[in-house]
Amino acid sequence: MLGRKKGSTPRSSEPVSTTVATDNGQEVAASHFISQQASQLDEAARKRLQRMNERLKLLEMQMETLEAGVAKASSDSYE
């Protein structure tokens, strides 16, 4: 394996680090850090979905206007 000497065994008695250093150097629990990051991603996703929904509503209104115009033009051409 990479990084191991032959015959060495993994040390299971070594403590596992459960803290994470943030950008500003503050140490927080890894689970808390992950939770914060997930929350930020959720908020970003919600905002993006809201913008997409608004754009979709606008496009639907434009389609309805165009369809109404085409229907009117079609009925006018048969008269």
Protein backbone atom coordinates (compact mmCIF):
# COMPACT_ATOMS: atom_id res chain seq x y z
CA MET A 1 0.00 0.00 0.00
CA LEU A 2 1.07 3.55 -0.54
CA GLY A 3 2.57 5.31 2.44
CA ARG A 4 3.03 2.20 4.61
CA LYS A 5 6.11 0.29 5.47
CA LYS A 6 6.05 -3.44 5.01
CA GLY A 7 4.91 -5.19 8.10
CA SER A 8 3.34 -2.13 9.68
CA THR A 9 -0.19 -2.34 10.94
CA PRO A 10 -2.73 0.46 11.19
CA ARG A 11 -2.85 2.10 14.61
CA SER A 12 -6.42 1.90 15.77
CA SER A 13 -5.56 3.38 19.16
CA GLU A 14 -4.74 6.82 17.68
CA PRO A 15 -7.46 9.39 18.35
CA VAL A 16 -9.46 10.51 15.35
CA SER A 17 -9.65 14.25 14.85
CA THR A 18 -13.25 15.42 15.04
CA THR A 19 -12.56 19.13 14.68
CA VAL A 20 -12.25 21.22 11.57
CA ALA A 21 -10.41 24.51 11.21
CA THR A 22 -12.55 27.10 9.42
CA ASP A 23 -11.27 29.78 7.04
CA ASN A 24 -10.84 32.20 9.94
CA GLY A 25 -8.88 29.63 11.98
CA GLN A 26 -11.69 28.78 14.39
CA GLU A 27 -11.97 25.11 15.31
CA VAL A 28 -15.43 23.56 15.28
CA ALA A 29 -16.77 20.02 15.51
CA ALA A 30 -16.72 18.25 12.16
CA SER A 31 -20.41 17.36 12.43
CA HIS A 32 -21.30 21.01 13.12
CA PHE A 33 -19.16 22.18 10.19
CA ILE A 34 -20.82 19.69 7.84
CA SER A 35 -24.24 20.72 9.08
CA GLN A 36 -23.44 24.41 8.42
CA GLN A 37 -22.16 23.65 4.93
CA ALA A 38 -25.24 21.56 4.12
CA SER A 39 -27.47 24.36 5.39
CA GLN A 40 -25.70 26.89 3.17
CA LEU A 41 -26.05 24.58 0.17
CA ASP A 42 -29.74 24.08 0.93
CA GLU A 43 -30.29 27.84 1.07
CA ALA A 44 -28.42 28.37 -2.21
CA ALA A 45 -30.46 25.63 -3.85
CA ARG A 46 -33.73 27.15 -2.56
CA LYS A 47 -32.80 30.56 -3.95
CA ARG A 48 -31.84 29.09 -7.31
CA LEU A 49 -35.10 27.11 -7.51
CA GLN A 50 -37.07 30.24 -6.63
CA ARG A 51 -35.38 32.20 -9.45
CA MET A 52 -36.00 29.35 -11.88
CA ASN A 53 -39.66 29.18 -10.82
CA GLU A 54 -40.11 32.92 -11.38
CA ARG A 55 -38.51 32.64 -14.81
CA LEU A 56 -40.74 29.68 -15.68
CA LYS A 57 -43.86 31.63 -14.67
CA LEU A 58 -42.77 34.51 -16.90
CA LEU A 59 -42.18 32.16 -19.83
CA GLU A 60 -45.59 30.55 -19.30
CA MET A 61 -47.28 33.97 -19.41
CA GLN A 62 -45.39 34.82 -22.60
CA MET A 63 -46.48 31.50 -24.15
CA GLU A 64 -50.11 32.18 -23.27
CA THR A 65 -49.88 35.62 -24.88
CA LEU A 66 -48.32 34.16 -28.03
CA GLU A 67 -50.88 31.35 -28.19
CA ALA A 68 -53.71 33.86 -27.84
CA GLY A 69 -52.17 35.95 -30.64
CA VAL A 70 -51.82 32.92 -32.92
CA ALA A 71 -55.40 31.81 -32.19
CA LYS A 72 -56.70 35.30 -32.98
CA ALA A 73 -54.67 35.50 -36.18
CA SER A 74 -55.92 32.06 -37.23
CA SER A 75 -59.58 32.93 -36.60
CA ASP A 76 -59.17 36.27 -38.42
CA SER A 77 -57.72 34.57 -41.51
CA TYR A 78 -60.78 32.27 -41.87
CA GLU A 79 -63.28 35.15 -41.91
